[in-house]
Amino acid sequence: VASVAITTINSLAWYRQAPGKERELVATITSGST
């Protein structure tokens, strides 16, 4: 949940980080739903 309208955000993403490993990009979505 964002504190602003997500339509004002250029892109949103989910990252994940397992113990002892680097944070990795999982998925992205743009304001245009790409």
PDB file of all heavy atoms in Angstrom:
ATOM      1  N   VAL A   1       0.851  -1.191   0.000  1.00  0.00           N
ATOM      2  CA  VAL A   1       0.000   0.000   0.000  1.00  0.00           C
ATOM      3  C   VAL A   1       0.884   1.238   0.000  1.00  0.00           C
ATOM      4  O   VAL A   1       1.740   1.392   0.879  1.00  0.00           O
ATOM      5  CB  VAL A   1      -0.941   0.011   1.210  1.00  0.00           C
ATOM      6  CG1 VAL A   1      -1.823   1.258   1.180  1.00  0.00           C
ATOM      7  CG2 VAL A   1      -1.809  -1.244   1.226  1.00  0.00           C
ATOM      8  N   ALA A   2       0.659   2.107  -0.958  1.00  0.00           N
ATOM      9  CA  ALA A   2       1.431   3.333  -1.087  1.00  0.00           C
ATOM     10  C   ALA A   2       0.673   4.511  -0.484  1.00  0.00           C
ATOM     11  O   ALA A   2      -0.555   4.528  -0.449  1.00  0.00           O
ATOM     12  CB  ALA A   2       1.753   3.614  -2.550  1.00  0.00           C
ATOM     13  N   SER A   3       1.425   5.510  -0.025  1.00  0.00           N
ATOM     14  CA  SER A   3       0.823   6.693   0.579  1.00  0.00           C
ATOM     15  C   SER A   3       0.388   7.723  -0.453  1.00  0.00           C
ATOM     16  O   SER A   3      -0.183   8.754  -0.090  1.00  0.00           O
ATOM     17  CB  SER A   3       1.796   7.338   1.570  1.00  0.00           C
ATOM     18  OG  SER A   3       2.980   7.749   0.915  1.00  0.00           O
ATOM     19  N   VAL A   4       0.659   7.467  -1.720  1.00  0.00           N
ATOM     20  CA  VAL A   4       0.234   8.322  -2.816  1.00  0.00           C
ATOM     21  C   VAL A   4      -0.409   7.460  -3.885  1.00  0.00           C
ATOM     22  O   VAL A   4      -0.273   6.237  -3.887  1.00  0.00           O
ATOM     23  CB  VAL A   4       1.406   9.117  -3.424  1.00  0.00           C
ATOM     24  CG1 VAL A   4       2.061   9.999  -2.370  1.00  0.00           C
ATOM     25  CG2 VAL A   4       2.423   8.180  -4.047  1.00  0.00           C
ATOM     26  N   ALA A   5      -1.104   8.090  -4.805  1.00  0.00           N
ATOM     27  CA  ALA A   5      -1.713   7.362  -5.909  1.00  0.00           C
ATOM     28  C   ALA A   5      -0.626   6.675  -6.727  1.00  0.00           C
ATOM     29  O   ALA A   5       0.351   7.304  -7.128  1.00  0.00           O
ATOM     30  CB  ALA A   5      -2.527   8.308  -6.782  1.00  0.00           C
ATOM     31  N   ILE A   6      -0.815   5.389  -6.981  1.00  0.00           N
ATOM     32  CA  ILE A   6       0.221   4.659  -7.706  1.00  0.00           C
ATOM     33  C   ILE A   6       0.305   5.097  -9.158  1.00  0.00           C
ATOM     34  O   ILE A   6       1.304   4.825  -9.826  1.00  0.00           O
ATOM     35  CB  ILE A   6       0.023   3.131  -7.601  1.00  0.00           C
ATOM     36  CG1 ILE A   6      -1.337   2.705  -8.177  1.00  0.00           C
ATOM     37  CG2 ILE A   6       0.173   2.682  -6.158  1.00  0.00           C
ATOM     38  CD1 ILE A   6      -1.522   1.197  -8.219  1.00  0.00           C
ATOM     39  N   THR A   7      -0.713   5.791  -9.638  1.00  0.00           N
ATOM     40  CA  THR A   7      -0.659   6.318 -10.998  1.00  0.00           C
ATOM     41  C   THR A   7       0.360   7.440 -11.130  1.00  0.00           C
ATOM     42  O   THR A   7       0.759   7.784 -12.241  1.00  0.00           O
ATOM     43  CB  THR A   7      -2.038   6.829 -11.442  1.00  0.00           C
ATOM     44  OG1 THR A   7      -2.539   7.768 -10.484  1.00  0.00           O
ATOM     45  CG2 THR A   7      -3.021   5.684 -11.581  1.00  0.00           C
ATOM     46  N   THR A   8       0.778   8.020 -10.007  1.00  0.00           N
ATOM     47  CA  THR A   8       1.786   9.071 -10.022  1.00  0.00           C
ATOM     48  C   THR A   8       3.202   8.511  -9.939  1.00  0.00           C
ATOM     49  O   THR A   8       4.167   9.272 -10.029  1.00  0.00           O
ATOM     50  CB  THR A   8       1.570  10.056  -8.866  1.00  0.00           C
ATOM     51  OG1 THR A   8       1.829   9.412  -7.616  1.00  0.00           O
ATOM     52  CG2 THR A   8       0.140  10.580  -8.873  1.00  0.00           C
ATOM     53  N   ILE A   9       3.322   7.207  -9.758  1.00  0.00           N
ATOM     54  CA  ILE A   9       4.619   6.548  -9.621  1.00  0.00           C
ATOM     55  C   ILE A   9       5.024   5.964 -10.969  1.00  0.00           C
ATOM     56  O   ILE A   9       4.251   5.249 -11.594  1.00  0.00           O
ATOM     57  CB  ILE A   9       4.559   5.449  -8.549  1.00  0.00           C
ATOM     58  CG1 ILE A   9       4.152   6.059  -7.203  1.00  0.00           C
ATOM     59  CG2 ILE A   9       5.901   4.735  -8.430  1.00  0.00           C
ATOM     60  CD1 ILE A   9       3.906   5.046  -6.110  1.00  0.00           C
ATOM     61  N   ASN A  10       6.229   6.261 -11.395  1.00  0.00           N
ATOM     62  CA  ASN A  10       6.676   5.798 -12.709  1.00  0.00           C
ATOM     63  C   ASN A  10       6.718   4.278 -12.808  1.00  0.00           C
ATOM     64  O   ASN A  10       6.302   3.700 -13.813  1.00  0.00           O
ATOM     65  CB  ASN A  10       8.040   6.389 -13.037  1.00  0.00           C
ATOM     66  CG  ASN A  10       8.009   7.887 -13.202  1.00  0.00           C
ATOM     67  OD1 ASN A  10       8.288   8.626 -12.259  1.00  0.00           O
ATOM     68  ND2 ASN A  10       7.644   8.336 -14.398  1.00  0.00           N
ATOM     69  N   SER A  11       7.219   3.627 -11.761  1.00  0.00           N
ATOM     70  CA  SER A  11       7.228   2.176 -11.743  1.00  0.00           C
ATOM     71  C   SER A  11       7.238   1.662 -10.310  1.00  0.00           C
ATOM     72  O   SER A  11       7.746   2.316  -9.399  1.00  0.00           O
ATOM     73  CB  SER A  11       8.424   1.613 -12.515  1.00  0.00           C
ATOM     74  OG  SER A  11       9.643   1.954 -11.884  1.00  0.00           O
ATOM     75  N   LEU A  12       6.667   0.488 -10.138  1.00  0.00           N
ATOM     76  CA  LEU A  12       6.663  -0.214  -8.866  1.00  0.00           C
ATOM     77  C   LEU A  12       7.290  -1.579  -9.077  1.00  0.00           C
ATOM     78  O   LEU A  12       7.184  -2.156 -10.156  1.00  0.00           O
ATOM     79  CB  LEU A  12       5.243  -0.362  -8.332  1.00  0.00           C
ATOM     80  CG  LEU A  12       4.587   0.932  -7.851  1.00  0.00           C
ATOM     81  CD1 LEU A  12       3.074   0.844  -7.971  1.00  0.00           C
ATOM     82  CD2 LEU A  12       4.991   1.216  -6.411  1.00  0.00           C
ATOM     83  N   ALA A  13       7.928  -2.087  -8.043  1.00  0.00           N
ATOM     84  CA  ALA A  13       8.619  -3.357  -8.182  1.00  0.00           C
ATOM     85  C   ALA A  13       8.599  -4.139  -6.887  1.00  0.00           C
ATOM     86  O   ALA A  13       8.461  -3.577  -5.794  1.00  0.00           O
ATOM     87  CB  ALA A  13      10.068  -3.129  -8.623  1.00  0.00           C
ATOM     88  N   TRP A  14       8.720  -5.440  -7.029  1.00  0.00           N
ATOM     89  CA  TRP A  14       8.964  -6.329  -5.903  1.00  0.00           C
ATOM     90  C   TRP A  14      10.380  -6.867  -6.008  1.00  0.00           C
ATOM     91  O   TRP A  14      10.789  -7.363  -7.066  1.00  0.00           O
ATOM     92  CB  TRP A  14       7.970  -7.493  -5.884  1.00  0.00           C
ATOM     93  CG  TRP A  14       6.595  -7.110  -5.449  1.00  0.00           C
ATOM     94  CD1 TRP A  14       5.533  -6.824  -6.242  1.00  0.00           C
ATOM     95  CD2 TRP A  14       6.139  -6.978  -4.099  1.00  0.00           C
ATOM     96  NE1 TRP A  14       4.429  -6.524  -5.475  1.00  0.00           N
ATOM     97  CE2 TRP A  14       4.774  -6.608  -4.153  1.00  0.00           C
ATOM     98  CE3 TRP A  14       6.748  -7.147  -2.852  1.00  0.00           C
ATOM     99  CZ2 TRP A  14       4.004  -6.397  -3.010  1.00  0.00           C
ATOM    100  CZ3 TRP A  14       5.983  -6.929  -1.714  1.00  0.00           C
ATOM    101  CH2 TRP A  14       4.631  -6.563  -1.798  1.00  0.00           C
ATOM    102  N   TYR A  15      11.118  -6.748  -4.927  1.00  0.00           N
ATOM    103  CA  TYR A  15      12.429  -7.341  -4.782  1.00  0.00           C
ATOM    104  C   TYR A  15      12.365  -8.386  -3.681  1.00  0.00           C
ATOM    105  O   TYR A  15      11.431  -8.413  -2.877  1.00  0.00           O
ATOM    106  CB  TYR A  15      13.470  -6.289  -4.401  1.00  0.00           C
ATOM    107  CG  TYR A  15      13.882  -5.337  -5.502  1.00  0.00           C
ATOM    108  CD1 TYR A  15      13.050  -4.303  -5.908  1.00  0.00           C
ATOM    109  CD2 TYR A  15      15.121  -5.462  -6.128  1.00  0.00           C
ATOM    110  CE1 TYR A  15      13.430  -3.423  -6.901  1.00  0.00           C
ATOM    111  CE2 TYR A  15      15.518  -4.580  -7.122  1.00  0.00           C
ATOM    112  CZ  TYR A  15      14.664  -3.564  -7.503  1.00  0.00           C
ATOM    113  OH  TYR A  15      15.055  -2.683  -8.484  1.00  0.00           O
ATOM    114  N   ARG A  16      13.368  -9.239  -3.633  1.00  0.00           N
ATOM    115  CA  ARG A  16      13.469 -10.187  -2.530  1.00  0.00           C
ATOM    116  C   ARG A  16      14.926 -10.399  -2.171  1.00  0.00           C
ATOM    117  O   ARG A  16      15.814 -10.241  -2.994  1.00  0.00           O
ATOM    118  CB  ARG A  16      12.803 -11.525  -2.864  1.00  0.00           C
ATOM    119  CG  ARG A  16      13.483 -12.331  -3.957  1.00  0.00           C
ATOM    120  CD  ARG A  16      12.645 -13.567  -4.295  1.00  0.00           C
ATOM    121  NE  ARG A  16      13.267 -14.395  -5.315  1.00  0.00           N
ATOM    122  CZ  ARG A  16      12.679 -15.440  -5.884  1.00  0.00           C
ATOM    123  NH1 ARG A  16      11.448 -15.783  -5.527  1.00  0.00           N
ATOM    124  NH2 ARG A  16      13.331 -16.147  -6.806  1.00  0.00           N
ATOM    125  N   GLN A  17      15.147 -10.761  -0.918  1.00  0.00           N
ATOM    126  CA  GLN A  17      16.493 -11.012  -0.434  1.00  0.00           C
ATOM    127  C   GLN A  17      16.478 -12.203   0.510  1.00  0.00           C
ATOM    128  O   GLN A  17      15.808 -12.173   1.548  1.00  0.00           O
ATOM    129  CB  GLN A  17      17.067  -9.785   0.270  1.00  0.00           C
ATOM    130  CG  GLN A  17      18.527  -9.930   0.652  1.00  0.00           C
ATOM    131  CD  GLN A  17      19.139  -8.615   1.082  1.00  0.00           C
ATOM    132  OE1 GLN A  17      18.446  -7.705   1.523  1.00  0.00           O
ATOM    133  NE2 GLN A  17      20.447  -8.505   0.940  1.00  0.00           N
ATOM    134  N   ALA A  18      17.195 -13.244   0.135  1.00  0.00           N
ATOM    135  CA  ALA A  18      17.348 -14.425   0.971  1.00  0.00           C
ATOM    136  C   ALA A  18      18.562 -14.243   1.870  1.00  0.00           C
ATOM    137  O   ALA A  18      19.473 -13.467   1.554  1.00  0.00           O
ATOM    138  CB  ALA A  18      17.510 -15.668   0.104  1.00  0.00           C
ATOM    139  N   PRO A  19      18.617 -14.949   2.999  1.00  0.00           N
ATOM    140  CA  PRO A  19      19.756 -14.809   3.907  1.00  0.00           C
ATOM    141  C   PRO A  19      21.083 -15.086   3.208  1.00  0.00           C
ATOM    142  O   PRO A  19      21.233 -16.087   2.511  1.00  0.00           O
ATOM    143  CB  PRO A  19      19.475 -15.863   4.984  1.00  0.00           C
ATOM    144  CG  PRO A  19      17.993 -16.006   4.979  1.00  0.00           C
ATOM    145  CD  PRO A  19      17.593 -15.858   3.540  1.00  0.00           C
ATOM    146  N   GLY A  20      22.034 -14.183   3.379  1.00  0.00           N
ATOM    147  CA  GLY A  20      23.350 -14.346   2.798  1.00  0.00           C
ATOM    148  C   GLY A  20      23.442 -14.067   1.315  1.00  0.00           C
ATOM    149  O   GLY A  20      24.505 -14.280   0.722  1.00  0.00           O
ATOM    150  N   LYS A  21      22.364 -13.591   0.706  1.00  0.00           N
ATOM    151  CA  LYS A  21      22.366 -13.330  -0.720  1.00  0.00           C
ATOM    152  C   LYS A  21      22.013 -11.876  -1.009  1.00  0.00           C
ATOM    153  O   LYS A  21      21.478 -11.166  -0.159  1.00  0.00           O
ATOM    154  CB  LYS A  21      21.386 -14.257  -1.445  1.00  0.00           C
ATOM    155  CG  LYS A  21      21.751 -15.729  -1.363  1.00  0.00           C
ATOM    156  CD  LYS A  21      20.818 -16.584  -2.199  1.00  0.00           C
ATOM    157  CE  LYS A  21      21.231 -18.044  -2.157  1.00  0.00           C
ATOM    158  NZ  LYS A  21      20.341 -18.889  -2.987  1.00  0.00           N
ATOM    159  N   GLU A  22      22.330 -11.449  -2.219  1.00  0.00           N
ATOM    160  CA  GLU A  22      22.028 -10.090  -2.641  1.00  0.00           C
ATOM    161  C   GLU A  22      20.542  -9.936  -2.934  1.00  0.00           C
ATOM    162  O   GLU A  22      19.859 -10.887  -3.299  1.00  0.00           O
ATOM    163  CB  GLU A  22      22.841  -9.727  -3.883  1.00  0.00           C
ATOM    164  CG  GLU A  22      24.352  -9.717  -3.678  1.00  0.00           C
ATOM    165  CD  GLU A  22      24.784  -8.619  -2.737  1.00  0.00           C
ATOM    166  OE1 GLU A  22      24.241  -7.497  -2.835  1.00  0.00           O
ATOM    167  OE2 GLU A  22      25.662  -8.875  -1.899  1.00  0.00           O
ATOM    168  N   ARG A  23      20.059  -8.721  -2.776  1.00  0.00           N
ATOM    169  CA  ARG A  23      18.678  -8.424  -3.120  1.00  0.00           C
ATOM    170  C   ARG A  23      18.504  -8.534  -4.638  1.00  0.00           C
ATOM    171  O   ARG A  23      19.318  -8.014  -5.401  1.00  0.00           O
ATOM    172  CB  ARG A  23      18.305  -7.028  -2.633  1.00  0.00           C
ATOM    173  CG  ARG A  23      16.845  -6.669  -2.797  1.00  0.00           C
ATOM    174  CD  ARG A  23      16.523  -5.338  -2.135  1.00  0.00           C
ATOM    175  NE  ARG A  23      16.757  -5.386  -0.696  1.00  0.00           N
ATOM    176  CZ  ARG A  23      16.479  -4.386   0.135  1.00  0.00           C
ATOM    177  NH1 ARG A  23      15.958  -3.257  -0.331  1.00  0.00           N
ATOM    178  NH2 ARG A  23      16.728  -4.512   1.426  1.00  0.00           N
ATOM    179  N   GLU A  24      17.438  -9.197  -5.064  1.00  0.00           N
ATOM    180  CA  GLU A  24      17.203  -9.395  -6.482  1.00  0.00           C
ATOM    181  C   GLU A  24      15.831  -8.886  -6.891  1.00  0.00           C
ATOM    182  O   GLU A  24      14.871  -8.930  -6.118  1.00  0.00           O
ATOM    183  CB  GLU A  24      17.344 -10.876  -6.866  1.00  0.00           C
ATOM    184  CG  GLU A  24      16.304 -11.797  -6.248  1.00  0.00           C
ATOM    185  CD  GLU A  24      16.370 -13.213  -6.787  1.00  0.00           C
ATOM    186  OE1 GLU A  24      16.874 -13.412  -7.907  1.00  0.00           O
ATOM    187  OE2 GLU A  24      15.906 -14.139  -6.071  1.00  0.00           O
ATOM    188  N   LEU A  25      15.740  -8.432  -8.121  1.00  0.00           N
ATOM    189  CA  LEU A  25      14.488  -7.949  -8.673  1.00  0.00           C
ATOM    190  C   LEU A  25      13.610  -9.122  -9.076  1.00  0.00           C
ATOM    191  O   LEU A  25      14.053 -10.026  -9.784  1.00  0.00           O
ATOM    192  CB  LEU A  25      14.760  -7.051  -9.881  1.00  0.00           C
ATOM    193  CG  LEU A  25      13.551  -6.465 -10.610  1.00  0.00           C
ATOM    194  CD1 LEU A  25      12.760  -5.550  -9.688  1.00  0.00           C
ATOM    195  CD2 LEU A  25      14.008  -5.701 -11.849  1.00  0.00           C
ATOM    196  N   VAL A  26      12.352  -9.098  -8.639  1.00  0.00           N
ATOM    197  CA  VAL A  26      11.413 -10.174  -8.926  1.00  0.00           C
ATOM    198  C   VAL A  26      10.449  -9.789 -10.043  1.00  0.00           C
ATOM    199  O   VAL A  26      10.242 -10.553 -10.985  1.00  0.00           O
ATOM    200  CB  VAL A  26      10.619 -10.562  -7.664  1.00  0.00           C
ATOM    201  CG1 VAL A  26       9.567 -11.622  -7.988  1.00  0.00           C
ATOM    202  CG2 VAL A  26      11.563 -11.061  -6.582  1.00  0.00           C
ATOM    203  N   ALA A  27       9.831  -8.616  -9.935  1.00  0.00           N
ATOM    204  CA  ALA A  27       8.834  -8.194 -10.908  1.00  0.00           C
ATOM    205  C   ALA A  27       8.682  -6.684 -10.874  1.00  0.00           C
ATOM    206  O   ALA A  27       8.907  -6.054  -9.844  1.00  0.00           O
ATOM    207  CB  ALA A  27       7.482  -8.862 -10.631  1.00  0.00           C
ATOM    208  N   THR A  28       8.299  -6.101 -12.003  1.00  0.00           N
ATOM    209  CA  THR A  28       8.053  -4.667 -12.094  1.00  0.00           C
ATOM    210  C   THR A  28       6.745  -4.407 -12.828  1.00  0.00           C
ATOM    211  O   THR A  28       6.291  -5.217 -13.637  1.00  0.00           O
ATOM    212  CB  THR A  28       9.177  -3.928 -12.845  1.00  0.00           C
ATOM    213  OG1 THR A  28       9.255  -4.409 -14.193  1.00  0.00           O
ATOM    214  CG2 THR A  28      10.518  -4.129 -12.156  1.00  0.00           C
ATOM    215  N   ILE A  29       6.165  -3.251 -12.539  1.00  0.00           N
ATOM    216  CA  ILE A  29       4.992  -2.788 -13.258  1.00  0.00           C
ATOM    217  C   ILE A  29       5.076  -1.275 -13.377  1.00  0.00           C
ATOM    218  O   ILE A  29       5.430  -0.587 -12.422  1.00  0.00           O
ATOM    219  CB  ILE A  29       3.678  -3.234 -12.565  1.00  0.00           C
ATOM    220  CG1 ILE A  29       2.461  -2.853 -13.413  1.00  0.00           C
ATOM    221  CG2 ILE A  29       3.579  -2.660 -11.161  1.00  0.00           C
ATOM    222  CD1 ILE A  29       1.165  -3.495 -12.934  1.00  0.00           C
ATOM    223  N   THR A  30       4.766  -0.754 -14.557  1.00  0.00           N
ATOM    224  CA  THR A  30       4.762   0.686 -14.776  1.00  0.00           C
ATOM    225  C   THR A  30       3.359   1.233 -14.589  1.00  0.00           C
ATOM    226  O   THR A  30       2.388   0.486 -14.486  1.00  0.00           O
ATOM    227  CB  THR A  30       5.258   1.034 -16.181  1.00  0.00           C
ATOM    228  OG1 THR A  30       4.281   0.611 -17.146  1.00  0.00           O
ATOM    229  CG2 THR A  30       6.586   0.357 -16.481  1.00  0.00           C
ATOM    230  N   SER A  31       3.249   2.557 -14.562  1.00  0.00           N
ATOM    231  CA  SER A  31       1.936   3.187 -14.442  1.00  0.00           C
ATOM    232  C   SER A  31       1.052   2.872 -15.639  1.00  0.00           C
ATOM    233  O   SER A  31      -0.161   3.007 -15.558  1.00  0.00           O
ATOM    234  CB  SER A  31       2.086   4.699 -14.284  1.00  0.00           C
ATOM    235  OG  SER A  31       2.772   5.263 -15.387  1.00  0.00           O
ATOM    236  N   GLY A  32       1.666   2.440 -16.738  1.00  0.00           N
ATOM    237  CA  GLY A  32       0.928   2.005 -17.912  1.00  0.00           C
ATOM    238  C   GLY A  32       0.633   0.519 -17.920  1.00  0.00           C
ATOM    239  O   GLY A  32       0.175  -0.004 -18.937  1.00  0.00           O
ATOM    240  N   SER A  33       0.922  -0.159 -16.814  1.00  0.00           N
ATOM    241  CA  SER A  33       0.617  -1.578 -16.600  1.00  0.00           C
ATOM    242  C   SER A  33       1.508  -2.524 -17.392  1.00  0.00           C
ATOM    243  O   SER A  33       1.156  -3.696 -17.572  1.00  0.00           O
ATOM    244  CB  SER A  33      -0.858  -1.878 -16.900  1.00  0.00           C
ATOM    245  OG  SER A  33      -1.705  -1.149 -16.030  1.00  0.00           O
ATOM    246  N   THR A  34       2.648  -2.058 -17.860  1.00  0.00           N
ATOM    247  CA  THR A  34       3.623  -2.947 -18.473  1.00  0.00           C
ATOM    248  C   THR A  34       4.350  -3.722 -17.381  1.00  0.00           C
ATOM    249  O   THR A  34       4.839  -3.126 -16.417  1.00  0.00           O
ATOM    250  CB  THR A  34       4.634  -2.163 -19.313  1.00  0.00           C
ATOM    251  OG1 THR A  34       3.944  -1.471 -20.358  1.00  0.00           O
ATOM    252  CG2 THR A  34       5.665  -3.091 -19.927  1.00  0.00           C
TER     253      THR A  34
END
